[in-house]
N, C-alpha and C. Protein backbone atom coordinates (compact mmCIF):
# COMPACT_ATOMS: atom_id res chain seq x y z
N MET A 1 0.83 -1.19 0.00
CA MET A 1 0.00 0.00 0.00
C MET A 1 0.86 1.23 0.00
N THR A 2 1.88 1.15 0.71
CA THR A 2 2.76 2.31 0.78
C THR A 2 3.42 2.55 -0.53
N GLU A 3 3.83 1.53 -1.22
CA GLU A 3 4.51 1.67 -2.52
C GLU A 3 3.58 2.24 -3.53
N GLU A 4 2.26 1.83 -3.53
CA GLU A 4 1.30 2.31 -4.52
C GLU A 4 1.09 3.81 -4.36
N LYS A 5 1.03 4.27 -3.13
CA LYS A 5 0.82 5.70 -2.91
C LYS A 5 2.01 6.48 -3.35
N THR A 6 3.17 5.82 -3.08
CA THR A 6 4.39 6.54 -3.50
C THR A 6 4.47 6.66 -4.96
N ASN A 7 4.05 5.60 -5.69
CA ASN A 7 4.11 5.63 -7.16
C ASN A 7 3.15 6.63 -7.74
N LYS A 8 2.09 6.93 -7.02
CA LYS A 8 1.09 7.87 -7.56
C LYS A 8 1.54 9.32 -7.47
N VAL A 9 2.59 9.66 -6.67
CA VAL A 9 3.08 11.06 -6.55
C VAL A 9 3.86 11.42 -7.77
N SER A 10 3.44 12.47 -8.42
CA SER A 10 4.10 12.85 -9.69
C SER A 10 5.48 13.36 -9.41
N SER A 11 6.41 12.99 -10.18
CA SER A 11 7.80 13.44 -10.07
C SER A 11 8.00 14.70 -10.85
N PRO A 12 9.03 15.37 -10.49
CA PRO A 12 9.33 16.61 -11.26
C PRO A 12 9.57 16.31 -12.70
N ALA A 13 10.03 15.13 -12.96
CA ALA A 13 10.30 14.83 -14.37
C ALA A 13 9.05 14.74 -15.16
N GLY A 14 7.94 14.45 -14.49
CA GLY A 14 6.70 14.33 -15.22
C GLY A 14 6.02 15.63 -15.52
N MET A 15 6.54 16.79 -14.99
CA MET A 15 5.93 18.11 -15.24
C MET A 15 6.26 18.62 -16.62
N PRO A 16 5.39 19.41 -17.18
CA PRO A 16 5.68 19.93 -18.55
C PRO A 16 6.93 20.78 -18.55
N LYS A 17 7.65 20.77 -19.64
CA LYS A 17 8.91 21.50 -19.77
C LYS A 17 8.70 23.00 -19.70
N GLU A 18 7.51 23.46 -20.22
CA GLU A 18 7.23 24.90 -20.25
C GLU A 18 7.08 25.44 -18.84
N THR A 19 6.57 24.54 -17.92
CA THR A 19 6.36 24.97 -16.56
C THR A 19 7.66 25.11 -15.83
N LEU A 20 8.61 24.25 -16.12
CA LEU A 20 9.88 24.25 -15.43
C LEU A 20 10.78 25.41 -15.90
N THR A 21 10.71 25.77 -17.16
CA THR A 21 11.61 26.80 -17.71
C THR A 21 10.97 28.17 -17.58
N GLN A 22 11.59 29.11 -16.81
CA GLN A 22 11.08 30.48 -16.65
C GLN A 22 11.65 31.41 -17.73
N LYS A 23 10.76 32.28 -18.36
CA LYS A 23 11.19 33.20 -19.43
C LYS A 23 11.84 34.44 -18.82
N GLU A 24 13.01 34.89 -19.37
CA GLU A 24 13.70 36.13 -18.93
C GLU A 24 13.00 37.35 -19.51
N PRO A 25 12.83 38.42 -18.74
CA PRO A 25 12.14 39.62 -19.28
C PRO A 25 12.96 40.26 -20.39
N SER A 26 12.28 40.69 -21.47
CA SER A 26 12.97 41.28 -22.64
C SER A 26 13.26 42.77 -22.37
N VAL A 27 14.48 43.24 -22.71
CA VAL A 27 14.91 44.64 -22.53
C VAL A 27 14.83 45.35 -23.87
N PRO A 28 13.98 46.38 -23.96
CA PRO A 28 13.86 47.05 -25.27
C PRO A 28 15.15 47.77 -25.64
N SER A 29 15.51 47.73 -26.90
CA SER A 29 16.71 48.39 -27.42
C SER A 29 16.46 49.88 -27.53
N PRO A 30 17.53 50.67 -27.59
CA PRO A 30 17.36 52.13 -27.73
C PRO A 30 16.54 52.50 -28.93
N GLU A 31 16.67 51.74 -30.05
CA GLU A 31 15.91 52.07 -31.26
C GLU A 31 14.43 51.91 -31.02
N VAL A 32 14.07 50.88 -30.18
CA VAL A 32 12.66 50.65 -29.91
C VAL A 32 12.13 51.67 -28.91
N ALA A 33 12.92 51.98 -27.85
CA ALA A 33 12.47 52.91 -26.81
C ALA A 33 12.34 54.33 -27.32
N GLY A 34 13.12 54.82 -28.29
CA GLY A 34 13.09 56.20 -28.78
C GLY A 34 14.05 56.35 -29.94
N ILE A 35 14.63 57.67 -30.06
CA ILE A 35 15.57 57.93 -31.14
C ILE A 35 16.94 57.40 -30.75
N SER A 36 17.75 57.20 -31.75
CA SER A 36 19.09 56.70 -31.49
C SER A 36 19.98 57.82 -30.98
N GLU A 37 21.11 57.47 -30.39
CA GLU A 37 22.06 58.46 -29.88
C GLU A 37 22.60 59.33 -30.99
N ALA A 38 22.82 58.71 -32.16
CA ALA A 38 23.34 59.48 -33.30
C ALA A 38 22.35 60.54 -33.75
N GLU A 39 21.05 60.14 -33.79
CA GLU A 39 20.04 61.11 -34.19
C GLU A 39 19.91 62.23 -33.16
N ARG A 40 20.00 61.87 -31.88
CA ARG A 40 19.91 62.89 -30.82
C ARG A 40 21.04 63.90 -30.93
N GLN A 41 22.25 63.44 -31.17
CA GLN A 41 23.40 64.33 -31.33
C GLN A 41 23.23 65.22 -32.57
N LYS A 42 22.64 64.65 -33.61
CA LYS A 42 22.41 65.42 -34.83
C LYS A 42 21.42 66.56 -34.58
N ILE A 43 20.34 66.26 -33.84
CA ILE A 43 19.33 67.29 -33.53
C ILE A 43 19.94 68.40 -32.68
N ILE A 44 20.77 68.04 -31.70
CA ILE A 44 21.43 69.04 -30.84
C ILE A 44 22.33 69.94 -31.67
N ALA A 45 23.10 69.30 -32.58
CA ALA A 45 24.00 70.09 -33.43
C ALA A 45 23.22 71.05 -34.31
N GLU A 46 22.09 70.58 -34.86
CA GLU A 46 21.27 71.45 -35.72
C GLU A 46 20.68 72.61 -34.91
N GLU A 47 20.24 72.35 -33.69
CA GLU A 47 19.68 73.41 -32.85
C GLU A 47 20.74 74.46 -32.51
N ARG A 48 21.96 74.00 -32.21
CA ARG A 48 23.04 74.94 -31.92
C ARG A 48 23.34 75.81 -33.14
N GLN A 49 23.34 75.18 -34.32
CA GLN A 49 23.62 75.92 -35.54
C GLN A 49 22.53 76.97 -35.81
N ARG A 50 21.26 76.60 -35.55
CA ARG A 50 20.16 77.54 -35.73
C ARG A 50 20.29 78.74 -34.80
N VAL A 51 20.65 78.50 -33.54
CA VAL A 51 20.84 79.58 -32.58
C VAL A 51 21.96 80.52 -33.02
N LYS A 52 23.07 79.94 -33.53
CA LYS A 52 24.18 80.76 -34.00
C LYS A 52 23.75 81.65 -35.16
N GLU A 53 22.98 81.07 -36.10
CA GLU A 53 22.52 81.84 -37.25
C GLU A 53 21.59 82.97 -36.82
N GLU A 54 20.72 82.71 -35.84
CA GLU A 54 19.85 83.78 -35.34
C GLU A 54 20.65 84.90 -34.69
N GLU A 55 21.67 84.55 -33.93
CA GLU A 55 22.52 85.57 -33.30
C GLU A 55 23.23 86.41 -34.36
N LYS A 56 23.70 85.75 -35.44
CA LYS A 56 24.36 86.48 -36.52
C LYS A 56 23.39 87.45 -37.19
N LEU A 57 22.14 87.01 -37.42
CA LEU A 57 21.15 87.88 -38.03
C LEU A 57 20.84 89.08 -37.14
N LYS A 58 20.73 88.85 -35.82
CA LYS A 58 20.48 89.95 -34.89
C LYS A 58 21.62 90.96 -34.91
N GLU A 59 22.86 90.47 -34.88
CA GLU A 59 24.02 91.36 -34.90
C GLU A 59 24.06 92.17 -36.20
N SER A 60 23.74 91.49 -37.32
CA SER A 60 23.74 92.18 -38.60
C SER A 60 22.67 93.27 -38.64
N ALA A 61 21.47 92.97 -38.08
CA ALA A 61 20.40 93.96 -38.06
C ALA A 61 20.77 95.16 -37.19
N VAL A 62 21.39 94.90 -36.04
CA VAL A 62 21.81 95.99 -35.15
C VAL A 62 22.86 96.87 -35.83
N LYS A 63 23.83 96.25 -36.50
CA LYS A 63 24.87 97.02 -37.19
C LYS A 63 24.27 97.88 -38.30
N SER A 64 23.32 97.30 -39.06
CA SER A 64 22.69 98.05 -40.15
C SER A 64 21.92 99.24 -39.61
N TYR A 65 21.19 99.04 -38.49
CA TYR A 65 20.42 100.13 -37.89
C TYR A 65 21.34 101.26 -37.43
N LYS A 66 22.44 100.87 -36.73
CA LYS A 66 23.37 101.89 -36.24
C LYS A 66 24.00 102.65 -37.41
N LYS A 67 24.30 101.93 -38.48
CA LYS A 67 24.93 102.58 -39.63
C LYS A 67 23.98 103.58 -40.28
N GLU A 68 22.72 103.16 -40.49
CA GLU A 68 21.75 104.06 -41.10
C GLU A 68 21.45 105.24 -40.19
N ASN A 69 21.34 104.96 -38.88
CA ASN A 69 21.07 106.04 -37.92
C ASN A 69 22.21 107.04 -37.88
N LYS A 70 23.43 106.53 -37.99
CA LYS A 70 24.60 107.41 -37.99
C LYS A 70 24.62 108.28 -39.22
N LYS A 71 24.23 107.70 -40.39
CA LYS A 71 24.17 108.48 -41.62
C LYS A 71 23.16 109.60 -41.49
N GLY A 72 21.97 109.28 -40.90
CA GLY A 72 20.94 110.30 -40.74
C GLY A 72 21.41 111.44 -39.87
N ILE A 73 22.06 111.12 -38.78
CA ILE A 73 22.57 112.16 -37.87
C ILE A 73 23.64 113.00 -38.57
N GLY A 74 24.50 112.35 -39.35
CA GLY A 74 25.54 113.08 -40.08
C GLY A 74 24.94 114.05 -41.08
N PHE A 75 23.91 113.61 -41.80
CA PHE A 75 23.26 114.48 -42.78
C PHE A 75 22.59 115.66 -42.08
N PHE A 76 21.94 115.38 -40.93
CA PHE A 76 21.27 116.44 -40.18
C PHE A 76 22.28 117.47 -39.68
N LYS A 77 23.42 116.99 -39.19
CA LYS A 77 24.46 117.91 -38.72
C LYS A 77 24.98 118.77 -39.87
N LEU A 78 25.20 118.13 -41.03
CA LEU A 78 25.68 118.88 -42.20
C LEU A 78 24.67 119.94 -42.61
N LEU A 79 23.38 119.56 -42.63
CA LEU A 79 22.34 120.51 -43.00
C LEU A 79 22.28 121.67 -42.01
N LEU A 80 22.43 121.35 -40.72
CA LEU A 80 22.41 122.39 -39.69
C LEU A 80 23.58 123.35 -39.86
N VAL A 81 24.77 122.80 -40.15
CA VAL A 81 25.95 123.65 -40.35
C VAL A 81 25.75 124.57 -41.55
N LEU A 82 25.21 124.01 -42.65
CA LEU A 82 24.97 124.83 -43.85
C LEU A 82 23.97 125.94 -43.55
N LEU A 83 22.92 125.60 -42.77
CA LEU A 83 21.93 126.61 -42.42
C LEU A 83 22.54 127.73 -41.59
N VAL A 84 23.39 127.35 -40.64
CA VAL A 84 24.06 128.36 -39.81
C VAL A 84 24.96 129.25 -40.66
N LEU A 85 25.66 128.62 -41.62
CA LEU A 85 26.53 129.41 -42.51
C LEU A 85 25.73 130.40 -43.34
N VAL A 86 24.59 129.94 -43.87
CA VAL A 86 23.75 130.83 -44.69
C VAL A 86 23.25 132.00 -43.86
N VAL A 87 22.78 131.70 -42.64
CA VAL A 87 22.30 132.77 -41.75
C VAL A 87 23.43 133.74 -41.43
N ALA A 88 24.62 133.19 -41.18
CA ALA A 88 25.77 134.05 -40.86
C ALA A 88 26.13 134.96 -42.04
N VAL A 89 26.10 134.39 -43.26
CA VAL A 89 26.43 135.19 -44.44
C VAL A 89 25.41 136.29 -44.65
N VAL A 90 24.10 135.93 -44.52
CA VAL A 90 23.05 136.93 -44.70
C VAL A 90 23.15 138.03 -43.65
N ALA A 91 23.37 137.60 -42.39
CA ALA A 91 23.49 138.59 -41.32
C ALA A 91 24.70 139.50 -41.53
N GLY A 92 25.82 138.88 -41.95
CA GLY A 92 27.01 139.68 -42.22
C GLY A 92 26.81 140.64 -43.37
N GLY A 93 26.09 140.16 -44.41
CA GLY A 93 25.80 141.04 -45.54
C GLY A 93 24.93 142.22 -45.13
N TYR A 94 23.96 141.94 -44.24
CA TYR A 94 23.08 143.02 -43.78
C TYR A 94 23.86 144.04 -42.95
N ILE A 95 24.73 143.52 -42.08
CA ILE A 95 25.49 144.42 -41.20
C ILE A 95 26.45 145.29 -42.00
N THR A 96 27.07 144.70 -43.02
CA THR A 96 28.08 145.45 -43.79
C THR A 96 27.48 146.19 -44.99
N PHE A 97 26.15 146.08 -45.18
CA PHE A 97 25.51 146.74 -46.31
C PHE A 97 25.54 148.26 -46.12
N SER A 98 25.85 148.96 -47.20
CA SER A 98 25.89 150.43 -47.13
C SER A 98 25.50 151.00 -48.49
N ALA A 99 24.79 152.13 -48.43
CA ALA A 99 24.40 152.84 -49.66
C ALA A 99 24.74 154.32 -49.46
N TYR A 100 25.64 154.82 -50.29
CA TYR A 100 26.08 156.21 -50.18
C TYR A 100 25.51 157.00 -51.36
N GLY A 101 24.52 157.82 -51.08
CA GLY A 101 23.92 158.65 -52.12
C GLY A 101 24.38 160.10 -52.02
N MET A 102 23.83 160.91 -52.89
CA MET A 102 24.10 162.34 -52.92
C MET A 102 25.57 162.66 -53.17
N GLN A 103 26.27 161.73 -53.84
CA GLN A 103 27.63 162.03 -54.28
C GLN A 103 27.55 162.78 -55.62
N SER A 104 28.62 163.39 -56.01
CA SER A 104 28.62 164.12 -57.29
C SER A 104 28.43 163.15 -58.45
N ALA A 105 27.54 163.54 -59.38
CA ALA A 105 27.25 162.69 -60.54
C ALA A 105 28.49 162.53 -61.40
N TRP A 106 28.61 161.33 -62.01
CA TRP A 106 29.78 161.05 -62.83
C TRP A 106 29.59 161.50 -64.28
N GLY A 107 28.32 161.54 -64.72
CA GLY A 107 28.09 161.86 -66.14
C GLY A 107 26.76 162.55 -66.34
N GLN A 108 26.28 162.52 -67.59
CA GLN A 108 25.05 163.20 -67.97
C GLN A 108 24.06 162.23 -68.62
N ASN A 109 24.35 160.95 -68.60
CA ASN A 109 23.53 159.98 -69.34
C ASN A 109 22.62 159.23 -68.38
N TYR A 110 21.28 159.25 -68.66
CA TYR A 110 20.30 158.56 -67.81
C TYR A 110 19.31 157.77 -68.70
N PRO A 111 19.76 156.67 -69.25
CA PRO A 111 18.89 155.93 -70.18
C PRO A 111 17.79 155.10 -69.52
N TYR A 112 17.87 154.85 -68.24
CA TYR A 112 16.88 154.00 -67.56
C TYR A 112 15.94 154.86 -66.72
N VAL A 113 14.64 154.47 -66.74
CA VAL A 113 13.63 155.23 -66.02
C VAL A 113 12.76 154.29 -65.20
N ALA A 114 12.51 154.64 -63.95
CA ALA A 114 11.61 153.87 -63.08
C ALA A 114 10.79 154.85 -62.26
N THR A 115 9.52 154.51 -62.02
CA THR A 115 8.62 155.39 -61.28
C THR A 115 8.14 154.68 -60.02
N TYR A 116 8.05 155.43 -58.93
CA TYR A 116 7.68 154.86 -57.64
C TYR A 116 6.64 155.72 -56.94
N ASP A 117 5.74 155.06 -56.23
CA ASP A 117 4.80 155.74 -55.34
C ASP A 117 5.42 155.67 -53.95
N VAL A 118 5.67 156.83 -53.34
CA VAL A 118 6.40 156.89 -52.07
C VAL A 118 5.53 157.57 -51.02
N LEU A 119 5.39 156.92 -49.85
CA LEU A 119 4.66 157.47 -48.73
C LEU A 119 5.64 157.77 -47.59
N LEU A 120 5.60 159.03 -47.10
CA LEU A 120 6.50 159.45 -46.03
C LEU A 120 5.69 160.04 -44.87
N PRO A 121 6.16 159.84 -43.64
CA PRO A 121 5.48 160.48 -42.51
C PRO A 121 5.72 161.99 -42.54
N ASP A 122 4.75 162.74 -42.02
CA ASP A 122 4.86 164.19 -42.01
C ASP A 122 5.75 164.64 -40.85
N SER A 123 6.69 165.53 -41.18
CA SER A 123 7.55 166.17 -40.16
C SER A 123 8.37 165.15 -39.38
N SER A 124 8.85 164.12 -40.05
CA SER A 124 9.67 163.10 -39.38
C SER A 124 10.82 162.73 -40.30
N GLU A 125 12.04 162.93 -39.81
CA GLU A 125 13.21 162.66 -40.65
C GLU A 125 13.48 161.16 -40.78
N LEU A 126 13.78 160.74 -41.99
CA LEU A 126 14.11 159.35 -42.29
C LEU A 126 15.49 159.29 -42.94
N ILE A 127 16.09 158.10 -42.89
CA ILE A 127 17.41 157.90 -43.49
C ILE A 127 17.30 156.82 -44.57
N PHE A 128 17.56 157.19 -45.82
CA PHE A 128 17.61 156.25 -46.94
C PHE A 128 19.09 155.99 -47.26
N GLY A 129 19.61 154.84 -46.83
CA GLY A 129 21.05 154.64 -46.97
C GLY A 129 21.75 155.57 -46.00
N ASN A 130 22.46 156.55 -46.58
CA ASN A 130 23.07 157.58 -45.73
C ASN A 130 22.47 158.95 -46.01
N VAL A 131 21.34 158.97 -46.75
CA VAL A 131 20.72 160.23 -47.17
C VAL A 131 19.56 160.57 -46.24
N GLN A 132 19.59 161.76 -45.66
CA GLN A 132 18.50 162.22 -44.80
C GLN A 132 17.37 162.80 -45.65
N VAL A 133 16.14 162.40 -45.33
CA VAL A 133 14.95 162.88 -46.06
C VAL A 133 13.95 163.39 -45.03
N LEU A 134 13.44 164.60 -45.25
CA LEU A 134 12.46 165.20 -44.34
C LEU A 134 11.39 165.90 -45.17
N ALA A 135 10.10 165.57 -44.87
CA ALA A 135 8.97 166.20 -45.56
C ALA A 135 8.07 166.86 -44.52
N VAL A 136 7.76 168.17 -44.74
CA VAL A 136 6.91 168.93 -43.81
C VAL A 136 5.81 169.60 -44.64
N SER A 137 4.57 169.26 -44.32
CA SER A 137 3.44 169.77 -45.12
C SER A 137 2.92 171.10 -44.56
N ALA A 138 2.28 171.87 -45.47
CA ALA A 138 1.61 173.14 -45.09
C ALA A 138 0.54 173.39 -46.14
N GLY A 139 -0.69 172.85 -45.87
CA GLY A 139 -1.76 173.00 -46.85
C GLY A 139 -1.49 172.14 -48.07
N ASP A 140 -1.49 172.80 -49.25
CA ASP A 140 -1.23 172.08 -50.50
C ASP A 140 0.25 172.10 -50.87
N GLU A 141 1.08 172.50 -49.94
CA GLU A 141 2.52 172.54 -50.22
C GLU A 141 3.27 171.66 -49.22
N VAL A 142 4.44 171.21 -49.66
CA VAL A 142 5.31 170.39 -48.82
C VAL A 142 6.74 170.87 -49.02
N THR A 143 7.44 171.04 -47.93
CA THR A 143 8.88 171.28 -48.01
C THR A 143 9.57 169.93 -47.94
N LEU A 144 10.24 169.57 -49.01
CA LEU A 144 10.90 168.25 -49.09
C LEU A 144 12.41 168.46 -49.16
N LYS A 145 13.09 167.94 -48.16
CA LYS A 145 14.55 168.04 -48.09
C LYS A 145 15.14 166.66 -48.35
N ILE A 146 15.97 166.54 -49.40
CA ILE A 146 16.68 165.31 -49.74
C ILE A 146 18.17 165.60 -49.65
N GLY A 147 18.83 165.00 -48.67
CA GLY A 147 20.23 165.35 -48.45
C GLY A 147 20.34 166.79 -48.01
N ASN A 148 21.14 167.55 -48.75
CA ASN A 148 21.30 168.97 -48.43
C ASN A 148 20.44 169.86 -49.33
N GLU A 149 19.65 169.26 -50.21
CA GLU A 149 18.83 170.05 -51.14
C GLU A 149 17.40 170.11 -50.64
N ARG A 150 16.91 171.35 -50.46
CA ARG A 150 15.55 171.58 -49.95
C ARG A 150 14.74 172.31 -51.02
N GLN A 151 13.49 171.82 -51.24
CA GLN A 151 12.59 172.48 -52.18
C GLN A 151 11.18 172.50 -51.61
N ILE A 152 10.41 173.55 -52.02
CA ILE A 152 8.99 173.63 -51.66
C ILE A 152 8.19 173.13 -52.85
N LEU A 153 7.41 172.06 -52.61
CA LEU A 153 6.65 171.44 -53.69
C LEU A 153 5.17 171.80 -53.54
N THR A 154 4.56 172.24 -54.64
CA THR A 154 3.12 172.50 -54.68
C THR A 154 2.43 171.27 -55.23
N LYS A 155 1.29 170.94 -54.64
CA LYS A 155 0.56 169.73 -55.02
C LYS A 155 0.32 169.70 -56.53
N GLY A 156 0.75 168.58 -57.14
CA GLY A 156 0.51 168.34 -58.56
C GLY A 156 1.57 168.91 -59.49
N ILE A 157 2.54 169.66 -58.99
CA ILE A 157 3.55 170.27 -59.85
C ILE A 157 4.90 169.56 -59.64
N PRO A 158 5.48 168.96 -60.70
CA PRO A 158 6.76 168.24 -60.56
C PRO A 158 7.89 169.20 -60.22
N ALA A 159 8.88 168.66 -59.47
CA ALA A 159 10.08 169.43 -59.13
C ALA A 159 11.30 168.54 -59.39
N GLU A 160 12.34 169.14 -59.99
CA GLU A 160 13.57 168.42 -60.33
C GLU A 160 14.62 168.61 -59.23
N TYR A 161 15.28 167.54 -58.87
CA TYR A 161 16.40 167.59 -57.92
C TYR A 161 17.71 167.38 -58.67
N GLN A 162 18.78 167.93 -58.13
CA GLN A 162 20.06 167.88 -58.81
C GLN A 162 20.55 166.42 -58.98
N PRO A 163 21.22 166.12 -60.09
CA PRO A 163 21.77 164.77 -60.30
C PRO A 163 22.75 164.41 -59.19
N ALA A 164 22.84 163.15 -58.91
CA ALA A 164 23.75 162.65 -57.85
C ALA A 164 24.22 161.25 -58.22
N HIS A 165 25.06 160.71 -57.38
CA HIS A 165 25.62 159.38 -57.63
C HIS A 165 25.44 158.52 -56.37
N ILE A 166 25.19 157.22 -56.57
CA ILE A 166 25.01 156.30 -55.44
C ILE A 166 25.94 155.10 -55.59
N THR A 167 26.53 154.69 -54.48
CA THR A 167 27.39 153.50 -54.43
C THR A 167 26.83 152.56 -53.38
N VAL A 168 26.62 151.30 -53.76
CA VAL A 168 26.08 150.28 -52.85
C VAL A 168 27.15 149.22 -52.64
N LYS A 169 27.44 148.91 -51.38
CA LYS A 169 28.47 147.92 -51.05
C LYS A 169 27.99 146.95 -49.98
N THR A 170 28.61 145.79 -49.94
CA THR A 170 28.45 144.85 -48.84
C THR A 170 29.73 144.04 -48.72
N TYR A 171 30.15 143.75 -47.51
CA TYR A 171 31.43 143.11 -47.24
C TYR A 171 32.58 143.89 -47.91
N GLY A 172 32.38 145.18 -48.11
CA GLY A 172 33.40 146.01 -48.73
C GLY A 172 33.45 145.88 -50.25
N VAL A 173 32.57 145.07 -50.81
CA VAL A 173 32.55 144.85 -52.26
C VAL A 173 31.45 145.71 -52.87
N THR A 174 31.76 146.42 -53.95
CA THR A 174 30.78 147.28 -54.61
C THR A 174 29.78 146.44 -55.39
N LEU A 175 28.50 146.62 -55.07
CA LEU A 175 27.43 145.92 -55.77
C LEU A 175 26.82 146.76 -56.89
N ARG A 176 26.87 148.09 -56.70
CA ARG A 176 26.20 148.96 -57.67
C ARG A 176 26.83 150.34 -57.65
N GLU A 177 27.02 150.89 -58.84
CA GLU A 177 27.44 152.29 -59.03
C GLU A 177 26.50 152.88 -60.07
N SER A 178 25.86 154.00 -59.71
CA SER A 178 24.90 154.57 -60.67
C SER A 178 24.69 156.06 -60.40
N ASP A 179 24.60 156.84 -61.48
CA ASP A 179 24.11 158.22 -61.37
C ASP A 179 22.58 158.18 -61.35
N TYR A 180 21.96 159.15 -60.71
CA TYR A 180 20.51 159.22 -60.71
C TYR A 180 20.04 160.67 -60.67
N ARG A 181 18.83 160.86 -61.17
CA ARG A 181 18.20 162.19 -61.14
C ARG A 181 16.73 162.00 -60.81
N LEU A 182 16.22 162.73 -59.81
CA LEU A 182 14.86 162.53 -59.33
C LEU A 182 13.94 163.67 -59.75
N THR A 183 12.75 163.28 -60.20
CA THR A 183 11.65 164.22 -60.43
C THR A 183 10.55 163.86 -59.45
N VAL A 184 10.16 164.82 -58.58
CA VAL A 184 9.23 164.52 -57.48
C VAL A 184 7.96 165.35 -57.64
N THR A 185 6.80 164.67 -57.50
CA THR A 185 5.50 165.35 -57.55
C THR A 185 4.73 165.03 -56.27
N TYR A 186 4.32 166.09 -55.55
CA TYR A 186 3.53 165.88 -54.33
C TYR A 186 2.08 165.65 -54.72
N ARG A 187 1.45 164.60 -54.12
CA ARG A 187 0.09 164.23 -54.51
C ARG A 187 -0.91 164.33 -53.36
N GLY A 188 -0.50 164.80 -52.19
CA GLY A 188 -1.43 164.96 -51.09
C GLY A 188 -1.27 163.89 -50.02
N LEU A 189 -2.26 163.80 -49.14
CA LEU A 189 -2.24 162.86 -48.03
C LEU A 189 -2.88 161.53 -48.43
N VAL A 190 -2.23 160.44 -48.05
CA VAL A 190 -2.75 159.08 -48.25
C VAL A 190 -2.41 158.28 -47.00
N GLU A 191 -3.44 157.72 -46.35
CA GLU A 191 -3.23 156.92 -45.14
C GLU A 191 -2.48 157.74 -44.08
N ASN A 192 -2.84 159.02 -43.97
CA ASN A 192 -2.22 159.93 -42.99
C ASN A 192 -0.72 160.11 -43.22
N ARG A 193 -0.28 159.84 -44.43
CA ARG A 193 1.11 160.09 -44.79
C ARG A 193 1.16 160.92 -46.08
N LEU A 194 2.30 161.55 -46.31
CA LEU A 194 2.48 162.38 -47.50
C LEU A 194 2.85 161.49 -48.68
N ASP A 195 2.08 161.68 -49.77
CA ASP A 195 2.23 160.81 -50.95
C ASP A 195 2.98 161.56 -52.05
N PHE A 196 4.03 160.90 -52.58
CA PHE A 196 4.84 161.50 -53.65
C PHE A 196 4.95 160.51 -54.82
N LEU A 197 4.93 161.05 -56.02
CA LEU A 197 5.23 160.27 -57.21
C LEU A 197 6.65 160.65 -57.62
N ILE A 198 7.57 159.67 -57.59
CA ILE A 198 8.97 159.97 -57.87
C ILE A 198 9.41 159.19 -59.10
N THR A 199 9.94 159.93 -60.08
CA THR A 199 10.51 159.32 -61.28
C THR A 199 12.03 159.37 -61.15
N ALA A 200 12.66 158.20 -61.21
CA ALA A 200 14.12 158.11 -61.07
C ALA A 200 14.73 157.75 -62.41
N ARG A 201 15.55 158.63 -62.93
CA ARG A 201 16.31 158.37 -64.15
C ARG A 201 17.73 158.00 -63.72
N THR A 202 18.22 156.86 -64.23
CA THR A 202 19.52 156.35 -63.77
C THR A 202 20.41 155.97 -64.93
N SER A 203 21.70 155.89 -64.63
CA SER A 203 22.68 155.49 -65.65
C SER A 203 22.85 153.97 -65.69
N ALA A 204 22.25 153.26 -64.74
CA ALA A 204 22.29 151.80 -64.69
C ALA A 204 20.87 151.29 -64.54
N PRO A 205 20.62 150.00 -64.82
CA PRO A 205 19.26 149.46 -64.67
C PRO A 205 18.72 149.72 -63.27
N PRO A 206 17.39 149.79 -63.14
CA PRO A 206 16.78 150.08 -61.83
C PRO A 206 17.26 149.13 -60.74
N MET A 207 17.32 149.64 -59.52
CA MET A 207 17.79 148.86 -58.38
C MET A 207 16.84 147.69 -58.11
N SER A 208 17.41 146.53 -57.77
CA SER A 208 16.60 145.35 -57.47
C SER A 208 15.82 145.54 -56.18
N SER A 209 14.72 144.79 -56.05
CA SER A 209 13.83 144.98 -54.90
C SER A 209 14.51 144.64 -53.57
N TRP A 210 15.38 143.59 -53.56
CA TRP A 210 16.03 143.23 -52.30
C TRP A 210 16.99 144.33 -51.84
N MET A 211 17.55 145.05 -52.81
CA MET A 211 18.47 146.13 -52.47
C MET A 211 17.72 147.32 -51.91
N THR A 212 16.59 147.65 -52.54
CA THR A 212 15.78 148.75 -52.02
C THR A 212 15.21 148.40 -50.64
N GLY A 213 14.96 147.11 -50.41
CA GLY A 213 14.49 146.68 -49.10
C GLY A 213 15.47 146.99 -47.99
N PHE A 214 16.77 146.94 -48.30
CA PHE A 214 17.79 147.30 -47.32
C PHE A 214 17.86 148.81 -47.11
N ILE A 215 17.56 149.57 -48.14
CA ILE A 215 17.75 151.02 -48.08
C ILE A 215 16.54 151.75 -47.49
N VAL A 216 15.34 151.30 -47.85
CA VAL A 216 14.12 152.01 -47.43
C VAL A 216 13.84 151.76 -45.95
N PRO A 217 13.67 152.79 -45.13
CA PRO A 217 13.37 152.61 -43.70
C PRO A 217 11.95 152.07 -43.50
N SER A 218 11.71 151.53 -42.32
CA SER A 218 10.44 150.85 -42.05
C SER A 218 9.24 151.80 -42.05
N ARG A 219 9.44 153.08 -41.73
CA ARG A 219 8.31 154.02 -41.67
C ARG A 219 7.97 154.62 -43.03
N ALA A 220 8.71 154.23 -44.07
CA ALA A 220 8.42 154.69 -45.42
C ALA A 220 7.94 153.51 -46.27
N THR A 221 7.20 153.84 -47.32
CA THR A 221 6.73 152.83 -48.28
C THR A 221 7.13 153.26 -49.67
N VAL A 222 7.78 152.35 -50.40
CA VAL A 222 8.17 152.63 -51.78
C VAL A 222 7.65 151.50 -52.66
N ARG A 223 6.74 151.84 -53.59
CA ARG A 223 6.12 150.84 -54.47
C ARG A 223 6.36 151.20 -55.92
N PRO A 224 6.88 150.28 -56.73
CA PRO A 224 7.02 150.56 -58.16
C PRO A 224 5.66 150.73 -58.82
N VAL A 225 5.54 151.66 -59.75
CA VAL A 225 4.28 151.86 -60.47
C VAL A 225 4.53 151.86 -61.97
């Protein structure tokens, strides 16, 4: 009885082979788990290269901006210097401008003629260049003094003044030399000022407007007609 029971106990040899043999766990390779080391290094290298290129582009943009900004500032400075020079030249020309009239006439020839409407304040001396002018009214008459020559003018009747010579200079350089002869007609009061029609006969072409602007005082008005 004992032997029969013993024979009925299964031996290890009788167990299936699959049960006895245990399977080892499989370890996934780097290729299966993710990217390879070579690919990872390649991506890192590409990212570094991209960053370098971006830095180069930024530096290039900054240099270009500074260069253009510097050019703009340089042009502005040059323009400012030129403007200052122009103002200085004009101011110097104004300061050194001079007109000397009532000099002795050089000749007898007056081929050019210009006519002006002139308004002067009553009983107030003015300076045209270096020439003193004074007009004093009395009814229909006016005493008009030009330089050292004084005449009594009756309204509507022309009066001739002696020929004279004028020299215009600036920076010591002569701009104009001309003989002139004035015919003056008193026309009455206009805008509370004495109105004269003056015909100027000259040996040179009529004076330019910018030149007369320097000579005519602010309280007088001279208009070509």
